[in-house]
N, C-alpha and C. Protein backbone atom coordinates (compact mmCIF):
# COMPACT_ATOMS: atom_id res chain seq x y z
N MET A 1 163.70 -101.10 -35.40
CA MET A 1 162.59 -100.29 -35.87
C MET A 1 162.91 -98.80 -35.74
N TYR A 2 163.49 -98.42 -34.61
CA TYR A 2 163.84 -97.02 -34.37
C TYR A 2 164.84 -96.54 -35.42
N PHE A 3 165.80 -97.39 -35.76
CA PHE A 3 166.82 -97.05 -36.75
C PHE A 3 166.19 -96.78 -38.12
N LYS A 4 165.23 -97.59 -38.52
CA LYS A 4 164.56 -97.40 -39.81
C LYS A 4 163.79 -96.08 -39.85
N LYS A 5 163.13 -95.75 -38.76
CA LYS A 5 162.38 -94.48 -38.69
C LYS A 5 163.34 -93.29 -38.78
N THR A 6 164.48 -93.41 -38.12
CA THR A 6 165.47 -92.33 -38.14
C THR A 6 166.01 -92.13 -39.55
N ILE A 7 166.33 -93.20 -40.20
CA ILE A 7 166.83 -93.13 -41.58
C ILE A 7 165.75 -92.54 -42.49
N LEU A 8 164.52 -92.96 -42.33
CA LEU A 8 163.41 -92.45 -43.13
C LEU A 8 163.23 -90.96 -42.91
N CYS A 9 163.31 -90.51 -41.66
CA CYS A 9 163.18 -89.08 -41.34
C CYS A 9 164.31 -88.28 -41.98
N ILE A 10 165.52 -88.80 -41.91
CA ILE A 10 166.67 -88.12 -42.52
C ILE A 10 166.48 -88.01 -44.03
N MET A 11 166.01 -89.06 -44.66
CA MET A 11 165.78 -89.04 -46.11
C MET A 11 164.71 -88.02 -46.48
N VAL A 12 163.64 -87.99 -45.72
CA VAL A 12 162.56 -87.03 -45.97
C VAL A 12 163.09 -85.60 -45.82
N LEU A 13 163.86 -85.36 -44.78
CA LEU A 13 164.45 -84.02 -44.57
C LEU A 13 165.38 -83.63 -45.71
N MET A 14 166.15 -84.57 -46.21
CA MET A 14 167.06 -84.29 -47.33
C MET A 14 166.27 -83.92 -48.59
N VAL A 15 165.21 -84.64 -48.86
CA VAL A 15 164.37 -84.34 -50.02
C VAL A 15 163.76 -82.95 -49.88
N LEU A 16 163.25 -82.66 -48.68
CA LEU A 16 162.67 -81.33 -48.44
C LEU A 16 163.72 -80.23 -48.60
N LEU A 17 164.91 -80.46 -48.12
CA LEU A 17 165.98 -79.48 -48.22
C LEU A 17 166.35 -79.24 -49.68
N ILE A 18 166.49 -80.30 -50.44
CA ILE A 18 166.84 -80.17 -51.86
C ILE A 18 165.72 -79.46 -52.61
N THR A 19 164.49 -79.83 -52.34
CA THR A 19 163.34 -79.20 -53.00
C THR A 19 163.24 -77.73 -52.66
N SER A 20 163.46 -77.38 -51.39
CA SER A 20 163.35 -75.97 -51.00
C SER A 20 164.48 -75.15 -51.61
N SER A 21 165.67 -75.70 -51.74
CA SER A 21 166.76 -74.95 -52.35
C SER A 21 166.52 -74.74 -53.84
N CYS A 22 165.86 -75.69 -54.49
CA CYS A 22 165.51 -75.52 -55.91
C CYS A 22 164.52 -74.38 -56.07
N ASN A 23 163.58 -74.31 -55.18
CA ASN A 23 162.59 -73.23 -55.25
C ASN A 23 163.21 -71.90 -54.84
N GLU A 24 164.18 -71.94 -53.95
CA GLU A 24 164.80 -70.70 -53.47
C GLU A 24 165.53 -69.98 -54.60
N ASP A 25 166.28 -70.72 -55.41
CA ASP A 25 166.99 -70.05 -56.50
C ASP A 25 166.00 -69.48 -57.52
N LYS A 26 164.90 -70.17 -57.75
CA LYS A 26 163.88 -69.64 -58.67
C LYS A 26 163.24 -68.37 -58.12
N LYS A 27 163.07 -68.35 -56.79
CA LYS A 27 162.51 -67.17 -56.14
C LYS A 27 163.45 -65.98 -56.33
N PHE A 28 164.74 -66.21 -56.16
CA PHE A 28 165.71 -65.14 -56.36
C PHE A 28 165.74 -64.67 -57.82
N VAL A 29 165.61 -65.60 -58.75
CA VAL A 29 165.57 -65.23 -60.17
C VAL A 29 164.36 -64.36 -60.46
N ASN A 30 163.21 -64.75 -59.92
CA ASN A 30 161.98 -63.96 -60.12
C ASN A 30 162.15 -62.55 -59.53
N GLN A 31 162.75 -62.47 -58.35
CA GLN A 31 162.98 -61.16 -57.74
C GLN A 31 163.97 -60.34 -58.58
N GLY A 32 164.98 -61.01 -59.13
CA GLY A 32 165.94 -60.33 -60.00
C GLY A 32 165.28 -59.78 -61.25
N ASN A 33 164.43 -60.58 -61.86
CA ASN A 33 163.71 -60.13 -63.05
C ASN A 33 162.78 -58.96 -62.74
N GLU A 34 162.13 -59.02 -61.59
CA GLU A 34 161.23 -57.93 -61.18
C GLU A 34 162.03 -56.65 -60.93
N SER A 35 163.15 -56.77 -60.27
CA SER A 35 164.01 -55.61 -60.01
C SER A 35 164.50 -55.01 -61.32
N LEU A 36 164.87 -55.87 -62.24
CA LEU A 36 165.35 -55.41 -63.55
C LEU A 36 164.25 -54.66 -64.30
N LYS A 37 163.04 -55.19 -64.23
CA LYS A 37 161.89 -54.54 -64.86
C LYS A 37 161.65 -53.15 -64.30
N ASN A 38 161.92 -52.99 -63.00
CA ASN A 38 161.70 -51.72 -62.32
C ASN A 38 162.92 -50.80 -62.38
N GLY A 39 163.93 -51.20 -63.14
CA GLY A 39 165.12 -50.36 -63.30
C GLY A 39 166.07 -50.38 -62.12
N LYS A 40 165.90 -51.32 -61.21
CA LYS A 40 166.77 -51.43 -60.04
C LYS A 40 167.89 -52.42 -60.36
N ILE A 41 168.87 -51.93 -61.09
CA ILE A 41 169.91 -52.79 -61.66
C ILE A 41 170.78 -53.43 -60.58
N GLU A 42 171.23 -52.64 -59.62
CA GLU A 42 172.10 -53.19 -58.57
C GLU A 42 171.36 -54.25 -57.75
N GLU A 43 170.10 -54.00 -57.47
CA GLU A 43 169.29 -54.96 -56.72
C GLU A 43 169.12 -56.26 -57.53
N ALA A 44 168.90 -56.11 -58.83
CA ALA A 44 168.75 -57.28 -59.70
C ALA A 44 170.02 -58.11 -59.68
N LEU A 45 171.17 -57.44 -59.75
CA LEU A 45 172.45 -58.15 -59.71
C LEU A 45 172.58 -58.96 -58.42
N SER A 46 172.16 -58.38 -57.33
CA SER A 46 172.23 -59.05 -56.03
C SER A 46 171.36 -60.31 -56.02
N PHE A 47 170.14 -60.20 -56.54
CA PHE A 47 169.24 -61.37 -56.57
C PHE A 47 169.77 -62.47 -57.48
N PHE A 48 170.26 -62.11 -58.67
CA PHE A 48 170.79 -63.14 -59.57
C PHE A 48 172.02 -63.81 -58.96
N SER A 49 172.84 -63.03 -58.28
CA SER A 49 174.03 -63.60 -57.62
C SER A 49 173.62 -64.56 -56.51
N LYS A 50 172.59 -64.21 -55.74
CA LYS A 50 172.10 -65.09 -54.67
C LYS A 50 171.56 -66.39 -55.27
N ALA A 51 170.85 -66.28 -56.38
CA ALA A 51 170.31 -67.48 -57.03
C ALA A 51 171.45 -68.41 -57.46
N LEU A 52 172.54 -67.82 -57.93
CA LEU A 52 173.68 -68.63 -58.37
C LEU A 52 174.44 -69.23 -57.19
N GLU A 53 174.39 -68.56 -56.04
CA GLU A 53 174.99 -69.14 -54.84
C GLU A 53 174.24 -70.40 -54.43
N VAL A 54 172.91 -70.33 -54.52
CA VAL A 54 172.07 -71.47 -54.15
C VAL A 54 172.21 -72.59 -55.20
N ASN A 55 172.20 -72.20 -56.47
CA ASN A 55 172.29 -73.18 -57.55
C ASN A 55 173.16 -72.63 -58.68
N PRO A 56 174.46 -72.95 -58.65
CA PRO A 56 175.38 -72.42 -59.65
C PRO A 56 175.05 -72.83 -61.09
N LYS A 57 174.20 -73.83 -61.25
CA LYS A 57 173.84 -74.29 -62.60
C LYS A 57 172.56 -73.67 -63.13
N ASN A 58 171.99 -72.72 -62.40
CA ASN A 58 170.75 -72.08 -62.84
C ASN A 58 171.05 -71.17 -64.03
N GLU A 59 170.65 -71.62 -65.21
CA GLU A 59 170.96 -70.90 -66.45
C GLU A 59 170.23 -69.56 -66.54
N GLU A 60 169.03 -69.50 -66.02
CA GLU A 60 168.27 -68.24 -66.05
C GLU A 60 168.94 -67.18 -65.17
N ALA A 61 169.44 -67.61 -64.02
CA ALA A 61 170.15 -66.68 -63.13
C ALA A 61 171.45 -66.22 -63.78
N SER A 62 172.13 -67.13 -64.42
CA SER A 62 173.38 -66.79 -65.10
C SER A 62 173.14 -65.80 -66.23
N ALA A 63 172.11 -66.05 -67.02
CA ALA A 63 171.77 -65.13 -68.13
C ALA A 63 171.33 -63.77 -67.58
N GLY A 64 170.57 -63.77 -66.50
CA GLY A 64 170.13 -62.52 -65.89
C GLY A 64 171.30 -61.71 -65.38
N LYS A 65 172.25 -62.39 -64.74
CA LYS A 65 173.43 -61.70 -64.21
C LYS A 65 174.26 -61.11 -65.35
N LYS A 66 174.43 -61.87 -66.42
CA LYS A 66 175.19 -61.36 -67.58
C LYS A 66 174.50 -60.14 -68.18
N LYS A 67 173.19 -60.19 -68.27
CA LYS A 67 172.43 -59.06 -68.82
C LYS A 67 172.63 -57.81 -67.95
N VAL A 68 172.55 -57.99 -66.64
CA VAL A 68 172.73 -56.87 -65.72
C VAL A 68 174.15 -56.30 -65.83
N LEU A 69 175.13 -57.17 -65.90
CA LEU A 69 176.52 -56.70 -66.01
C LEU A 69 176.73 -55.91 -67.31
N LEU A 70 176.08 -56.35 -68.39
CA LEU A 70 176.16 -55.59 -69.65
C LEU A 70 175.48 -54.23 -69.52
N LEU A 71 174.35 -54.19 -68.83
CA LEU A 71 173.66 -52.91 -68.61
C LEU A 71 174.53 -51.95 -67.81
N ILE A 72 175.20 -52.48 -66.80
CA ILE A 72 176.09 -51.65 -65.99
C ILE A 72 177.24 -51.13 -66.84
N GLU A 73 177.81 -52.00 -67.66
CA GLU A 73 178.91 -51.59 -68.54
C GLU A 73 178.44 -50.54 -69.55
N GLU A 74 177.26 -50.73 -70.09
CA GLU A 74 176.69 -49.77 -71.04
C GLU A 74 176.53 -48.40 -70.39
N LYS A 75 175.98 -48.37 -69.19
CA LYS A 75 175.81 -47.09 -68.47
C LYS A 75 177.17 -46.44 -68.19
N HIS A 76 178.13 -47.25 -67.81
CA HIS A 76 179.47 -46.73 -67.52
C HIS A 76 180.09 -46.13 -68.78
N LEU A 77 179.94 -46.80 -69.90
CA LEU A 77 180.52 -46.31 -71.15
C LEU A 77 179.88 -44.99 -71.58
N VAL A 78 178.57 -44.88 -71.44
CA VAL A 78 177.88 -43.64 -71.80
C VAL A 78 178.32 -42.51 -70.87
N PHE A 79 178.39 -42.81 -69.58
CA PHE A 79 178.84 -41.80 -68.62
C PHE A 79 180.25 -41.34 -68.96
N ASN A 80 181.14 -42.30 -69.20
CA ASN A 80 182.53 -41.98 -69.52
C ASN A 80 182.61 -41.22 -70.85
N GLY A 81 181.81 -41.61 -71.83
CA GLY A 81 181.77 -40.90 -73.11
C GLY A 81 181.38 -39.45 -72.94
N ASN A 82 180.38 -39.21 -72.10
CA ASN A 82 179.96 -37.82 -71.83
C ASN A 82 181.05 -37.03 -71.11
N GLU A 83 181.75 -37.69 -70.19
CA GLU A 83 182.87 -37.03 -69.50
C GLU A 83 183.96 -36.66 -70.50
N MET A 84 184.30 -37.59 -71.38
CA MET A 84 185.34 -37.33 -72.38
C MET A 84 184.90 -36.21 -73.33
N LEU A 85 183.64 -36.20 -73.67
CA LEU A 85 183.09 -35.15 -74.54
C LEU A 85 183.23 -33.78 -73.88
N GLN A 86 182.89 -33.70 -72.60
CA GLN A 86 183.00 -32.43 -71.88
C GLN A 86 184.45 -31.97 -71.74
N ASN A 87 185.37 -32.94 -71.65
CA ASN A 87 186.78 -32.60 -71.50
C ASN A 87 187.47 -32.37 -72.85
N GLY A 88 186.72 -32.52 -73.94
CA GLY A 88 187.28 -32.28 -75.26
C GLY A 88 188.04 -33.45 -75.85
N ASN A 89 187.99 -34.60 -75.20
CA ASN A 89 188.66 -35.80 -75.72
C ASN A 89 187.69 -36.52 -76.65
N LEU A 90 187.56 -36.00 -77.86
CA LEU A 90 186.55 -36.50 -78.80
C LEU A 90 186.81 -37.92 -79.25
N GLU A 91 188.07 -38.27 -79.41
CA GLU A 91 188.40 -39.62 -79.88
C GLU A 91 187.95 -40.67 -78.86
N GLN A 92 188.27 -40.45 -77.58
CA GLN A 92 187.87 -41.42 -76.55
C GLN A 92 186.35 -41.41 -76.36
N ALA A 93 185.73 -40.24 -76.47
CA ALA A 93 184.28 -40.17 -76.37
C ALA A 93 183.63 -41.03 -77.46
N GLN A 94 184.16 -40.92 -78.67
CA GLN A 94 183.64 -41.71 -79.80
C GLN A 94 183.77 -43.21 -79.52
N VAL A 95 184.93 -43.61 -79.00
CA VAL A 95 185.16 -45.02 -78.68
C VAL A 95 184.15 -45.51 -77.64
N ASP A 96 183.95 -44.71 -76.58
CA ASP A 96 183.03 -45.12 -75.53
C ASP A 96 181.58 -45.21 -76.03
N PHE A 97 181.16 -44.23 -76.81
CA PHE A 97 179.80 -44.27 -77.35
C PHE A 97 179.62 -45.45 -78.31
N ASP A 98 180.64 -45.73 -79.12
CA ASP A 98 180.57 -46.88 -80.04
C ASP A 98 180.44 -48.20 -79.26
N LYS A 99 181.21 -48.34 -78.19
CA LYS A 99 181.14 -49.56 -77.37
C LYS A 99 179.76 -49.69 -76.73
N ALA A 100 179.22 -48.58 -76.23
CA ALA A 100 177.89 -48.62 -75.62
C ALA A 100 176.84 -49.03 -76.66
N LEU A 101 177.00 -48.51 -77.88
CA LEU A 101 176.05 -48.85 -78.94
C LEU A 101 176.22 -50.28 -79.43
N TRP A 102 177.40 -50.84 -79.26
CA TRP A 102 177.59 -52.25 -79.60
C TRP A 102 176.77 -53.11 -78.64
N ILE A 103 176.73 -52.69 -77.36
CA ILE A 103 175.94 -53.42 -76.37
C ILE A 103 174.45 -53.21 -76.61
N ASN A 104 174.08 -51.94 -76.87
CA ASN A 104 172.67 -51.61 -77.08
C ASN A 104 172.56 -50.58 -78.20
N PRO A 105 172.31 -51.02 -79.43
CA PRO A 105 172.27 -50.11 -80.58
C PRO A 105 171.19 -49.02 -80.51
N THR A 106 170.25 -49.13 -79.58
CA THR A 106 169.19 -48.13 -79.48
C THR A 106 169.37 -47.18 -78.30
N ASN A 107 170.52 -47.22 -77.65
CA ASN A 107 170.76 -46.34 -76.50
C ASN A 107 170.75 -44.89 -76.97
N LYS A 108 169.69 -44.17 -76.59
CA LYS A 108 169.48 -42.80 -77.07
C LYS A 108 170.59 -41.86 -76.63
N GLU A 109 171.05 -42.02 -75.39
CA GLU A 109 172.09 -41.13 -74.88
C GLU A 109 173.41 -41.34 -75.63
N ALA A 110 173.73 -42.59 -75.95
CA ALA A 110 174.94 -42.88 -76.71
C ALA A 110 174.81 -42.37 -78.15
N LEU A 111 173.64 -42.53 -78.73
CA LEU A 111 173.41 -42.01 -80.09
C LEU A 111 173.55 -40.49 -80.13
N LEU A 112 172.99 -39.83 -79.12
CA LEU A 112 173.10 -38.37 -79.04
C LEU A 112 174.55 -37.95 -78.83
N GLY A 113 175.26 -38.66 -77.96
CA GLY A 113 176.67 -38.36 -77.71
C GLY A 113 177.50 -38.53 -78.96
N LYS A 114 177.23 -39.59 -79.70
CA LYS A 114 177.97 -39.84 -80.94
C LYS A 114 177.70 -38.73 -81.96
N GLU A 115 176.47 -38.27 -82.02
CA GLU A 115 176.10 -37.17 -82.92
C GLU A 115 176.84 -35.89 -82.52
N LYS A 116 176.91 -35.62 -81.22
CA LYS A 116 177.63 -34.45 -80.74
C LYS A 116 179.10 -34.52 -81.12
N VAL A 117 179.69 -35.69 -80.96
CA VAL A 117 181.10 -35.87 -81.34
C VAL A 117 181.28 -35.57 -82.82
N SER A 118 180.40 -36.12 -83.65
CA SER A 118 180.49 -35.88 -85.11
C SER A 118 180.40 -34.40 -85.43
N LEU A 119 179.46 -33.70 -84.80
CA LEU A 119 179.31 -32.27 -85.05
C LEU A 119 180.55 -31.49 -84.61
N LEU A 120 181.10 -31.85 -83.45
CA LEU A 120 182.30 -31.15 -82.97
C LEU A 120 183.51 -31.44 -83.84
N VAL A 121 183.62 -32.65 -84.34
CA VAL A 121 184.74 -32.99 -85.24
C VAL A 121 184.62 -32.19 -86.52
N GLU A 122 183.41 -32.13 -87.09
CA GLU A 122 183.20 -31.34 -88.31
C GLU A 122 183.49 -29.86 -88.06
N GLU A 123 183.04 -29.35 -86.93
CA GLU A 123 183.28 -27.95 -86.58
C GLU A 123 184.79 -27.68 -86.46
N LYS A 124 185.46 -28.63 -85.81
CA LYS A 124 186.91 -28.48 -85.63
C LYS A 124 187.62 -28.52 -86.98
N LYS A 125 187.20 -29.41 -87.87
CA LYS A 125 187.81 -29.49 -89.21
C LYS A 125 187.64 -28.17 -89.96
N SER A 126 186.44 -27.62 -89.91
CA SER A 126 186.20 -26.37 -90.64
C SER A 126 186.96 -25.22 -90.01
N THR A 127 187.09 -25.20 -88.70
CA THR A 127 187.85 -24.17 -88.01
C THR A 127 189.34 -24.30 -88.34
N ASP A 128 189.83 -25.52 -88.29
CA ASP A 128 191.24 -25.76 -88.62
C ASP A 128 191.53 -25.38 -90.06
N LYS A 129 190.61 -25.70 -90.94
CA LYS A 129 190.77 -25.36 -92.35
C LYS A 129 190.84 -23.85 -92.52
N GLY A 130 189.91 -23.16 -91.86
CA GLY A 130 189.87 -21.71 -91.95
C GLY A 130 191.15 -21.09 -91.42
N GLY A 131 191.64 -21.60 -90.32
CA GLY A 131 192.89 -21.09 -89.73
C GLY A 131 194.06 -21.31 -90.66
N PHE A 132 194.08 -22.44 -91.34
CA PHE A 132 195.17 -22.76 -92.27
C PHE A 132 195.14 -21.80 -93.45
N GLU A 133 193.94 -21.53 -93.96
CA GLU A 133 193.82 -20.60 -95.09
C GLU A 133 194.28 -19.19 -94.71
N ILE A 134 193.98 -18.77 -93.51
CA ILE A 134 194.40 -17.45 -93.05
C ILE A 134 195.92 -17.40 -92.99
N ASN A 135 196.55 -18.48 -92.50
CA ASN A 135 198.01 -18.51 -92.43
C ASN A 135 198.63 -18.40 -93.82
N ILE A 136 198.03 -19.01 -94.80
CA ILE A 136 198.56 -18.93 -96.16
C ILE A 136 198.43 -17.50 -96.67
N LEU A 137 197.33 -16.87 -96.39
CA LEU A 137 197.13 -15.49 -96.86
C LEU A 137 198.10 -14.52 -96.21
N ILE A 138 198.45 -14.76 -94.97
CA ILE A 138 199.36 -13.86 -94.26
C ILE A 138 200.78 -13.98 -94.82
N ARG A 139 201.21 -15.15 -95.20
CA ARG A 139 202.57 -15.35 -95.71
C ARG A 139 202.68 -14.65 -96.99
């Protein structure tokens, strides 16, 4: 009789453990979504990663983590594009802004950066053209 009760208690504990771990990953996903809503990207990544540690098959956590990683990449590309723009590397700035816009076509900072690159390229073309014409006149 004692053996049956022990086995029954172990089974009940296992069910409770499995059930609580299922709820735990959902709790982390909810916290990740809330963090994402509040613009706390790094915190959201941490919660989605924790959810996947508890349940690697949680599709919502996996999708949330992928979304956060894309947001981080988008921010990095815009930052790098602005750095390249300031350093006069217009070609690389254009590439970075284009990649950021591929991730998020409505990213205002990337759109503005791309516009700045276009204006600077046009300005450079007209300046180069003017300089070339002056050289012809001097010869």
